[in-house]
Amino acid sequence: AVNAQSGLLIPVGDAVPAGVSPGSLAIAPSGQFAFVVDTLIDGVWTFSIDAATGALTNLNPSEPVPAGAFPDAIAIDRTGRFAYVVNSGSNTISMFAVNAFTGSLTPTGTAVAAGLRPTSIAIDATGRFAYVTNATDNSLSAYAIDAAVGTLRALGAAVPTGEGPRYVAVEPNGKFAHVMDPEGNKL
């Protein structure tokens, strides 16, 4: 738990299983659901979040929702209607509609091509664009988000970055996207 006055962290409850190799976590804007990609099982686990205690309950404990090979990161759009998973093993981005009542994920079309070994995804504050780092070809790809159905459309060629980009973040005003290059120790 987070103390609202001081920001201090307070341990609560027990940890819950999150698959075999959890790789990334995203929380729906509503605060009702958490989504975790499992790199080795190639899927996404969905958890409900208890508003009073913060306790997590796995909503699909028998198996995750399938994504592409080796999913590396997940992002939820600002409306909470869509989820995007970058798959470093299949060089794709899986797209899902999020059910606002149950948290269930439903694919929204065929996965979209990314660069070589996509590793992270960030959505701008307007919810209109998504940006993906591609570690092997040292690039950053841009996509337009269709607000009606949540599908992605590539916006031109990827732009070069430093060596092995791993993470991307977009400024709140949407003017700049910053990429972290851990292999070169640069931003």
Protein backbone atom coordinates (compact mmCIF):
# COMPACT_ATOMS: atom_id res chain seq x y z
CA ALA A 1 0.00 0.00 0.00
CA VAL A 2 1.09 3.59 -0.51
CA ASN A 3 0.61 6.13 2.27
CA ALA A 4 -1.21 9.01 0.56
CA GLN A 5 0.40 11.64 2.81
CA SER A 6 4.04 10.53 2.88
CA GLY A 7 4.36 8.28 -0.16
CA LEU A 8 5.89 5.56 2.03
CA LEU A 9 5.26 1.95 1.09
CA ILE A 10 3.52 -0.43 3.49
CA PRO A 11 3.66 -4.23 2.89
CA VAL A 12 0.21 -5.82 2.59
CA GLY A 13 -0.92 -9.38 1.86
CA ASP A 14 0.96 -12.21 0.26
CA ALA A 15 2.52 -12.34 -3.19
CA VAL A 16 0.45 -14.18 -5.79
CA PRO A 17 1.76 -16.48 -8.54
CA ALA A 18 2.18 -14.68 -11.87
CA GLY A 19 3.00 -17.47 -14.30
CA VAL A 20 6.40 -18.95 -15.11
CA SER A 21 8.38 -15.92 -16.26
CA PRO A 22 6.52 -12.65 -15.70
CA GLY A 23 8.07 -9.92 -17.80
CA SER A 24 6.00 -6.74 -17.64
CA LEU A 25 3.03 -5.31 -15.75
CA ALA A 26 0.35 -2.79 -16.70
CA ILE A 27 -2.63 -1.58 -14.70
CA ALA A 28 -5.90 -0.49 -16.29
CA PRO A 29 -6.71 3.22 -15.78
CA SER A 30 -9.79 2.16 -13.80
CA GLY A 31 -7.52 0.49 -11.26
CA GLN A 32 -9.65 -2.66 -11.44
CA PHE A 33 -7.29 -4.92 -13.39
CA ALA A 34 -3.59 -5.73 -13.71
CA PHE A 35 -2.10 -7.47 -16.74
CA VAL A 36 1.16 -9.43 -16.69
CA VAL A 37 2.98 -10.84 -19.73
CA ASP A 38 4.57 -14.26 -19.31
CA THR A 39 7.61 -14.56 -21.54
CA LEU A 40 7.95 -18.35 -21.40
CA ILE A 41 4.27 -19.23 -21.73
CA ASP A 42 3.68 -16.66 -24.52
CA GLY A 43 0.62 -15.09 -22.95
CA VAL A 44 -0.99 -12.52 -20.66
CA TRP A 45 -2.33 -13.16 -17.16
CA THR A 46 -5.20 -10.97 -15.97
CA PHE A 47 -5.73 -10.09 -12.30
CA SER A 48 -8.54 -8.25 -10.58
CA ILE A 49 -7.47 -5.69 -7.98
CA ASP A 50 -9.45 -5.40 -4.75
CA ALA A 51 -10.06 -1.65 -4.34
CA ALA A 52 -10.02 -1.82 -0.53
CA THR A 53 -7.02 -4.09 0.06
CA GLY A 54 -5.06 -4.09 -3.20
CA ALA A 55 -5.21 -7.90 -3.21
CA LEU A 56 -4.82 -9.53 -6.61
CA THR A 57 -6.90 -12.43 -7.93
CA ASN A 58 -5.85 -14.28 -11.08
CA LEU A 59 -8.87 -14.24 -13.41
CA ASN A 60 -7.51 -16.89 -15.78
CA PRO A 61 -5.44 -19.17 -13.48
CA SER A 62 -5.38 -22.22 -15.75
CA GLU A 63 -3.70 -20.51 -18.69
CA PRO A 64 -2.91 -17.03 -19.94
CA VAL A 65 -4.50 -15.36 -22.95
CA PRO A 66 -2.21 -16.22 -25.91
CA ALA A 67 0.04 -13.51 -27.33
CA GLY A 68 2.96 -13.84 -29.75
CA ALA A 69 6.27 -15.59 -29.07
CA PHE A 70 8.19 -14.28 -26.05
CA PRO A 71 5.99 -11.32 -25.07
CA ASP A 72 8.23 -8.69 -23.51
CA ALA A 73 6.04 -5.74 -22.53
CA ILE A 74 2.43 -4.61 -22.27
CA ALA A 75 0.72 -1.21 -22.36
CA ILE A 76 -2.90 -0.18 -21.81
CA ASP A 77 -4.37 2.81 -23.64
CA ARG A 78 -5.61 5.76 -21.55
CA THR A 79 -9.26 4.72 -21.91
CA GLY A 80 -8.55 1.20 -20.67
CA ARG A 81 -10.29 -0.22 -23.73
CA PHE A 82 -7.21 -1.65 -25.47
CA ALA A 83 -4.04 -3.53 -24.53
CA TYR A 84 -0.90 -3.95 -26.64
CA VAL A 85 1.79 -6.61 -26.19
CA VAL A 86 5.18 -6.55 -27.92
CA ASN A 87 6.45 -10.02 -28.77
CA SER A 88 10.24 -10.18 -29.09
CA GLY A 89 10.25 -13.75 -30.41
CA SER A 90 7.81 -13.16 -33.27
CA ASN A 91 8.64 -9.48 -33.96
CA THR A 92 5.00 -8.50 -33.62
CA ILE A 93 2.57 -6.47 -31.54
CA SER A 94 -0.56 -8.27 -30.34
CA MET A 95 -3.65 -6.09 -29.93
CA PHE A 96 -6.51 -6.78 -27.52
CA ALA A 97 -9.83 -5.25 -26.55
CA VAL A 98 -10.25 -5.10 -22.74
CA ASN A 99 -13.66 -5.89 -21.28
CA ALA A 100 -14.33 -3.08 -18.77
CA PHE A 101 -16.42 -5.35 -16.51
CA THR A 102 -14.43 -8.60 -16.50
CA GLY A 103 -10.92 -7.59 -17.59
CA SER A 104 -10.93 -10.30 -20.24
CA LEU A 105 -8.79 -9.75 -23.32
CA THR A 106 -10.05 -10.37 -26.87
CA PRO A 107 -7.71 -10.15 -29.87
CA THR A 108 -8.50 -7.21 -32.20
CA GLY A 109 -7.19 -8.56 -35.47
CA THR A 110 -3.93 -10.06 -36.62
CA ALA A 111 -0.74 -9.08 -34.84
CA VAL A 112 1.10 -6.15 -36.46
CA ALA A 113 4.71 -6.37 -37.60
CA ALA A 114 7.31 -4.62 -35.46
CA GLY A 115 11.05 -4.25 -35.93
CA LEU A 116 13.52 -6.92 -34.89
CA ARG A 117 13.09 -7.95 -31.23
CA PRO A 118 10.60 -5.38 -29.94
CA THR A 119 11.19 -4.83 -26.23
CA SER A 120 8.92 -2.06 -24.96
CA ILE A 121 5.86 -0.05 -25.86
CA ALA A 122 4.57 3.34 -24.74
CA ILE A 123 1.32 5.09 -25.61
CA ASP A 124 1.17 8.88 -25.77
CA ALA A 125 -1.11 10.81 -23.39
CA THR A 126 -3.73 11.42 -26.10
CA GLY A 127 -4.03 7.69 -26.76
CA ARG A 128 -3.58 8.28 -30.49
CA PHE A 129 -0.05 6.90 -30.94
CA ALA A 130 2.09 3.99 -29.76
CA TYR A 131 5.88 3.75 -29.87
CA VAL A 132 7.91 0.51 -29.84
CA THR A 133 11.64 -0.04 -29.29
CA ASN A 134 13.30 -2.63 -31.54
CA ALA A 135 16.48 -3.88 -29.86
CA THR A 136 18.11 -5.86 -32.65
CA ASP A 137 17.72 -3.32 -35.45
CA ASN A 138 18.34 -0.35 -33.09
CA SER A 139 15.17 1.54 -33.94
CA LEU A 140 11.94 3.08 -32.67
CA SER A 141 8.68 2.44 -34.53
CA ALA A 142 5.58 4.67 -34.44
CA TYR A 143 1.97 3.53 -34.84
CA ALA A 144 -1.40 5.25 -35.06
CA ILE A 145 -4.11 3.77 -32.84
CA ASP A 146 -7.59 3.40 -34.33
CA ALA A 147 -9.75 4.73 -31.46
CA ALA A 148 -12.81 2.78 -32.61
CA VAL A 149 -11.34 -0.73 -32.73
CA GLY A 150 -7.86 -0.42 -31.18
CA THR A 151 -5.85 -1.65 -34.14
CA LEU A 152 -2.42 -0.24 -34.96
CA ARG A 153 -1.15 1.20 -38.26
CA ALA A 154 2.56 1.81 -38.84
CA LEU A 155 3.54 5.44 -39.38
CA GLY A 156 6.41 5.33 -41.86
CA ALA A 157 9.79 3.74 -41.37
CA ALA A 158 11.30 3.20 -37.94
CA VAL A 159 13.83 5.81 -36.83
CA PRO A 160 17.34 4.88 -35.69
CA THR A 161 18.23 4.90 -31.99
CA GLY A 162 21.28 4.02 -29.94
CA GLU A 163 22.46 0.43 -29.70
CA GLY A 164 19.98 -2.07 -28.24
CA PRO A 165 17.11 0.25 -27.21
CA ARG A 166 15.21 -1.33 -24.36
CA TYR A 167 12.63 1.17 -23.04
CA VAL A 168 10.64 4.10 -24.40
CA ALA A 169 8.67 6.81 -22.60
CA VAL A 170 6.61 9.64 -24.10
CA GLU A 171 6.45 13.05 -22.45
CA PRO A 172 2.95 13.99 -21.19
CA ASN A 173 2.72 16.82 -23.74
CA GLY A 174 3.50 14.31 -26.53
CA LYS A 175 6.31 16.43 -27.97
CA PHE A 176 9.14 13.97 -27.33
CA ALA A 177 9.71 10.23 -26.97
CA HIS A 178 12.79 9.20 -24.99
CA VAL A 179 14.56 5.89 -25.51
CA MET A 180 16.93 4.20 -23.08
CA ASP A 181 19.99 2.47 -24.53
CA PRO A 182 21.34 0.24 -21.73
CA GLU A 183 24.11 -1.25 -23.87
CA GLY A 184 25.58 2.21 -24.48
CA ASN A 185 24.52 3.58 -21.06
CA LYS A 186 22.66 6.43 -22.80
CA LEU A 187 19.23 7.99 -23.17
